[in-house]
Protein backbone atom coordinates (compact mmCIF):
# COMPACT_ATOMS: atom_id res chain seq x y z
CA MET A 1 31.01 5.82 7.84
CA THR A 2 34.33 5.72 6.40
CA ARG A 3 34.36 7.57 3.00
CA HIS A 4 34.66 3.88 1.16
CA GLU A 5 30.94 3.09 2.84
CA LEU A 6 29.92 6.36 1.98
CA ARG A 7 31.26 6.47 -2.20
CA ARG A 8 29.83 2.19 -2.02
CA ARG A 9 26.40 3.76 -0.20
CA ALA A 10 26.14 6.45 -3.21
CA VAL A 11 26.84 4.01 -5.98
CA LEU A 12 24.02 1.35 -5.01
CA ILE A 13 21.33 4.35 -4.58
CA ARG A 14 22.13 5.55 -8.12
CA ALA A 15 21.22 1.69 -9.46
CA LEU A 16 17.96 1.71 -7.91
CA MET A 17 17.66 4.70 -9.14
CA ALA A 18 18.91 3.72 -12.62
CA GLY A 19 16.36 0.99 -12.08
CA ALA A 20 19.60 -1.93 -12.14
CA PHE A 21 17.55 -3.65 -9.60
CA LEU A 22 13.90 -3.73 -10.96
CA LEU A 23 11.84 -6.89 -10.46
CA ALA A 24 12.31 -9.21 -13.54
CA ARG A 25 8.13 -10.15 -13.41
CA PRO A 26 7.47 -7.11 -12.14
CA LEU A 27 2.78 -8.03 -12.19
CA VAL A 28 0.43 -11.18 -10.79
CA PRO A 29 0.12 -13.36 -12.66
CA ALA A 30 -2.36 -13.99 -15.84
CA HIS A 31 -4.65 -16.28 -14.39
CA ALA A 32 -5.42 -13.86 -11.38
CA MET A 33 -5.79 -10.60 -14.17
CA GLY A 34 -7.72 -13.59 -16.45
CA ARG A 35 -10.52 -13.17 -13.76
CA ILE A 36 -12.87 -10.57 -13.24
CA PRO A 37 -13.29 -10.04 -9.40
CA ARG A 38 -15.97 -9.23 -7.82
CA ARG A 39 -16.23 -7.74 -3.77
CA LEU A 40 -14.60 -10.10 -1.61
CA PRO A 41 -17.43 -11.54 0.80
CA PRO A 42 -17.59 -10.55 3.94
CA GLY A 43 -15.46 -12.98 6.12
CA ARG A 44 -12.66 -13.08 4.24
CA SER A 45 -9.86 -11.08 3.27
CA ILE A 46 -7.46 -12.91 0.97
CA PHE A 47 -8.46 -12.88 -2.70
CA GLU A 48 -4.98 -14.96 -4.11
CA LEU A 49 -2.01 -16.20 -2.37
CA LYS A 50 1.31 -17.61 -4.17
CA GLY A 51 4.89 -18.91 -2.27
CA GLU A 52 5.84 -18.47 1.45
CA VAL A 53 3.31 -16.02 3.35
CA LEU A 54 3.07 -15.87 6.78
CA VAL A 55 0.21 -13.37 8.85
CA ASN A 56 1.69 -13.17 12.95
CA GLY A 57 3.93 -15.56 11.80
CA GLN A 58 2.15 -18.08 10.85
CA PRO A 59 1.66 -19.71 7.22
CA ALA A 60 -1.56 -17.62 5.12
CA THR A 61 -4.36 -20.12 3.64
CA LEU A 62 -7.65 -18.51 1.70
CA ASP A 63 -9.07 -18.84 4.84
CA THR A 64 -7.25 -16.16 7.48
CA LEU A 65 -8.30 -12.62 8.58
CA ILE A 66 -5.90 -9.73 7.84
CA ARG A 67 -7.27 -7.99 10.44
CA PRO A 68 -5.41 -4.15 11.59
CA GLY A 69 -2.39 -4.83 13.95
CA ASP A 70 -1.24 -7.95 11.62
CA ARG A 71 1.70 -8.55 10.64
CA ILE A 72 2.49 -9.74 6.95
CA ARG A 73 5.71 -11.55 5.70
CA THR A 74 6.53 -12.86 1.93
CA GLY A 75 9.07 -14.67 0.61
CA ARG A 76 10.37 -15.27 -2.37
CA ASN A 77 8.63 -15.59 -5.35
CA SER A 78 5.92 -14.60 -3.02
CA HIS A 79 2.99 -12.77 -3.34
CA LEU A 80 -0.50 -11.46 -1.83
CA ILE A 81 -3.65 -9.76 -2.10
CA PHE A 82 -5.77 -8.90 0.12
CA VAL A 83 -8.52 -6.45 1.81
CA VAL A 84 -9.59 -5.03 5.34
CA GLY A 85 -12.42 -3.15 5.30
CA GLN A 86 -12.02 -0.50 2.13
CA ASP A 87 -9.05 -0.95 1.41
CA ALA A 88 -6.94 -3.41 -1.30
CA PHE A 89 -3.89 -4.43 -1.53
CA ILE A 90 -0.55 -6.77 -3.64
CA LEU A 91 2.01 -7.59 -1.44
CA ARG A 92 4.83 -8.60 -3.58
CA ASP A 93 7.94 -11.03 -2.74
CA ASN A 94 10.47 -10.83 -0.03
CA SER A 95 8.04 -7.68 1.86
CA ARG A 96 7.72 -7.06 4.99
CA LEU A 97 3.82 -4.93 6.20
CA GLN A 98 3.02 -4.59 8.98
CA LEU A 99 -0.66 -3.27 9.68
CA GLN A 100 -1.82 -0.63 12.20
CA GLY A 101 -5.48 0.78 13.06
CA VAL A 102 -8.51 -0.19 15.27
CA GLY A 103 -10.76 -2.72 15.27
CA ASP A 104 -10.62 -5.40 12.45
CA SER A 105 -11.40 -3.44 9.42
CA LEU A 106 -10.07 0.26 9.69
CA ILE A 107 -6.17 0.62 8.90
CA GLN A 108 -5.38 3.21 10.13
CA GLY A 109 -1.93 2.80 9.23
CA LEU A 110 0.68 0.94 7.03
CA ARG A 111 4.43 0.56 8.15
CA LEU A 112 6.46 -1.10 4.97
CA VAL A 113 9.22 -2.26 6.43
CA ALA A 114 10.72 -4.01 3.25
CA GLY A 115 9.46 -4.65 0.23
CA LYS A 116 6.70 -3.26 -2.46
CA LEU A 117 2.91 -2.67 -1.91
CA LEU A 118 0.36 -1.98 -4.29
CA SER A 119 -2.38 -0.38 -2.39
CA VAL A 120 -5.71 1.22 -3.22
CA MET A 121 -7.18 3.21 -0.33
CA GLY A 122 -11.01 4.46 0.54
CA ARG A 123 -11.82 8.36 1.64
CA ARG A 124 -11.41 8.94 5.02
CA GLU A 125 -13.62 11.47 6.55
CA GLY A 126 -13.15 14.13 9.32
CA LYS A 127 -10.06 12.11 11.84
CA ASP A 128 -10.13 8.92 9.54
CA THR A 129 -6.56 10.12 8.36
CA LEU A 130 -3.72 7.34 6.84
CA SER A 131 -0.39 6.92 6.48
CA ILE A 132 2.48 4.88 5.04
CA HIS A 133 6.20 4.85 6.91
CA THR A 134 8.82 3.61 4.97
CA THR A 135 12.33 2.98 5.37
CA THR A 136 12.70 6.85 4.21
CA ALA A 137 9.58 7.94 4.42
CA TYR A 138 6.24 9.07 5.72
CA ILE A 139 3.28 9.25 3.31
CA GLY A 140 0.29 11.10 4.52
CA ILE A 141 -2.99 9.94 2.09
CA ARG A 142 -7.02 9.72 2.61
CA GLY A 143 -8.39 7.55 -0.50
CA THR A 144 -5.90 6.59 -2.99
CA GLY A 145 -3.80 4.45 -5.13
CA ILE A 146 -0.39 4.28 -3.89
CA TYR A 147 2.51 2.29 -5.25
CA VAL A 148 5.18 1.74 -2.71
CA GLU A 149 8.47 0.26 -2.83
CA ALA A 150 11.30 0.12 0.30
CA GLU A 151 14.90 0.03 -0.27
CA PRO A 152 17.38 0.41 2.77
CA GLU A 153 18.86 3.61 2.04
CA LEU A 154 15.71 4.94 -0.58
CA SER A 155 11.22 5.01 -0.96
CA TYR A 156 9.93 4.95 -4.91
CA VAL A 157 6.89 5.72 -4.17
CA CYS A 158 3.99 6.58 -7.12
CA THR A 159 1.20 8.81 -6.11
CA CYS A 160 -1.03 6.22 -9.08
CA TYR A 161 -4.29 8.54 -8.19
CA GLY A 162 -5.57 10.95 -5.75
CA HIS A 163 -3.31 13.36 -3.21
CA THR A 164 -0.49 12.21 -1.22
CA GLU A 165 1.78 14.20 1.56
CA LEU A 166 6.03 12.73 1.40
CA VAL A 167 7.31 13.72 4.07
CA SER A 168 11.35 12.24 4.34
CA ALA A 169 11.22 10.12 7.29
CA SER A 170 14.98 11.52 9.05
CA ARG A 171 14.33 15.63 7.99
CA PRO A 172 10.60 15.99 7.99
CA GLY A 173 11.35 20.04 7.20
CA VAL A 174 11.69 18.28 4.13
CA HIS A 175 8.58 17.78 1.97
CA GLN A 176 6.30 17.89 -0.91
CA ALA A 177 2.34 17.17 -1.60
CA ILE A 178 1.37 15.22 -4.35
CA ARG A 179 -2.35 15.84 -6.45
CA SER A 180 -2.11 12.55 -9.70
CA ARG A 181 -4.14 11.81 -12.01
CA HIS A 182 -2.44 8.98 -13.43
CA HIS A 183 0.96 8.14 -12.51
CA ASP A 184 1.64 11.62 -13.25
CA ALA A 185 4.17 12.11 -10.14
CA PRO A 186 6.52 9.36 -9.10
CA ARG A 187 9.39 9.75 -6.68
CA TYR A 188 12.34 8.92 -4.80
CA ILE A 189 12.66 9.93 -2.04
CA LEU A 190 16.49 9.28 -0.20
CA ALA A 191 17.98 8.53 2.94
CA PRO A 192 20.41 11.84 4.10
CA GLY A 193 24.51 10.98 3.04
CA VAL A 194 23.25 9.23 -0.11
CA ASP A 195 24.38 12.25 -2.58
CA ASP A 196 25.45 15.48 -0.62
CA ASP A 197 24.51 17.05 -3.87
CA ALA A 198 20.94 15.62 -4.15
CA ARG A 199 17.73 15.97 -3.17
CA LEU A 200 16.40 14.24 -0.20
CA ILE A 201 13.05 14.16 -2.63
CA GLN A 202 13.35 13.04 -6.39
CA PRO A 203 11.05 12.90 -9.56
CA ALA A 204 10.87 9.58 -10.70
CA PRO A 205 10.12 7.11 -13.47
CA PHE A 206 6.44 4.70 -13.52
CA LYS A 207 7.77 1.39 -13.00
CA ASN A 208 6.57 -1.92 -11.55
CA HIS A 209 2.36 -1.93 -12.16
CA THR A 210 0.31 -2.01 -13.86
CA ASP A 211 -3.17 0.11 -14.19
CA GLU A 212 -4.83 -3.58 -14.72
CA GLU A 213 -3.99 -3.93 -11.27
CA LEU A 214 -5.14 -0.95 -10.12
CA MET A 215 -8.40 -1.96 -11.63
CA LEU A 216 -7.83 -5.94 -10.28
CA ILE A 217 -7.77 -4.45 -6.22
CA GLU A 218 -9.74 -2.32 -6.56
CA ALA A 219 -12.96 -4.29 -8.19
CA LEU A 220 -12.68 -6.35 -4.98
CA VAL A 221 -13.50 -3.42 -2.97
CA GLY A 222 -16.34 -2.49 -5.60
CA ARG A 223 -14.98 0.66 -6.68
CA GLU A 224 -12.99 1.54 -10.16
CA PRO A 225 -10.31 3.74 -10.91
CA PRO A 226 -11.10 6.94 -11.77
CA PHE A 227 -9.66 6.49 -14.85
CA ASP A 228 -10.91 4.71 -18.40
CA MET A 229 -9.69 1.41 -19.74
CA THR A 230 -12.98 0.62 -22.35
CA GLY A 231 -13.40 -3.04 -22.67
CA SER A 232 -11.90 -4.22 -19.80
CA GLY A 233 -14.55 -6.06 -18.26
CA TYR A 234 -14.96 -4.79 -14.99
CA SER A 235 -17.74 -2.54 -13.85
CA ALA A 236 -17.96 -1.08 -10.41
CA PRO A 237 -18.67 3.20 -8.63
CA ARG A 238 -16.17 4.99 -10.14
CA ARG A 239 -13.49 7.13 -8.07
CA ASP A 240 -14.18 10.89 -8.43
CA TYR A 241 -10.69 12.98 -7.70
């Protein structure tokens, strides 16, 4: 890579970290938030979809079942709100996601190839583990709320609540344990060579997701987040971390 390319790469990363490319409208539509959702019934995976949503290359409908092993892609101005087993997700526009696991409902891994994903995960017990892979990061979790953005040279990770282990995908020796109760420690995980003076894991701002969205997807799996939003109208077992 030439010196000019390295400089250009560093400028792009700094712009991303400064928020120059934030989503203009990062939230799901108000009509989805206005509904008090119930737990999805057996045989249903999708709560809401908008725009171009493909599952394994085929256009998705509200009747599409999503399982471990599936590949999901959203187009411009599109999104998908869905459930697999005890986990629930909002996949934003221009995103590519691969689900990894066994059976019909136990997700063991997520690969966010590109885009933005808000997730709430049921607690894993014993040997059951869950990891999220992005362009620059490996994220180990057992049960948590987490928001992730994947860019070619940078990943953004907010542990909304729960415990995670952040690891540089290119340098596994660089890692950081996060214990969060309410968006306490967002982080950027950079690709090597972006900035010679930069740490690969850096503090980041809170951005592009809301507590209301977390409450919505927790409700789809019969839970509440571990923080209080009095008067929300949501009622389900509260998580405890």
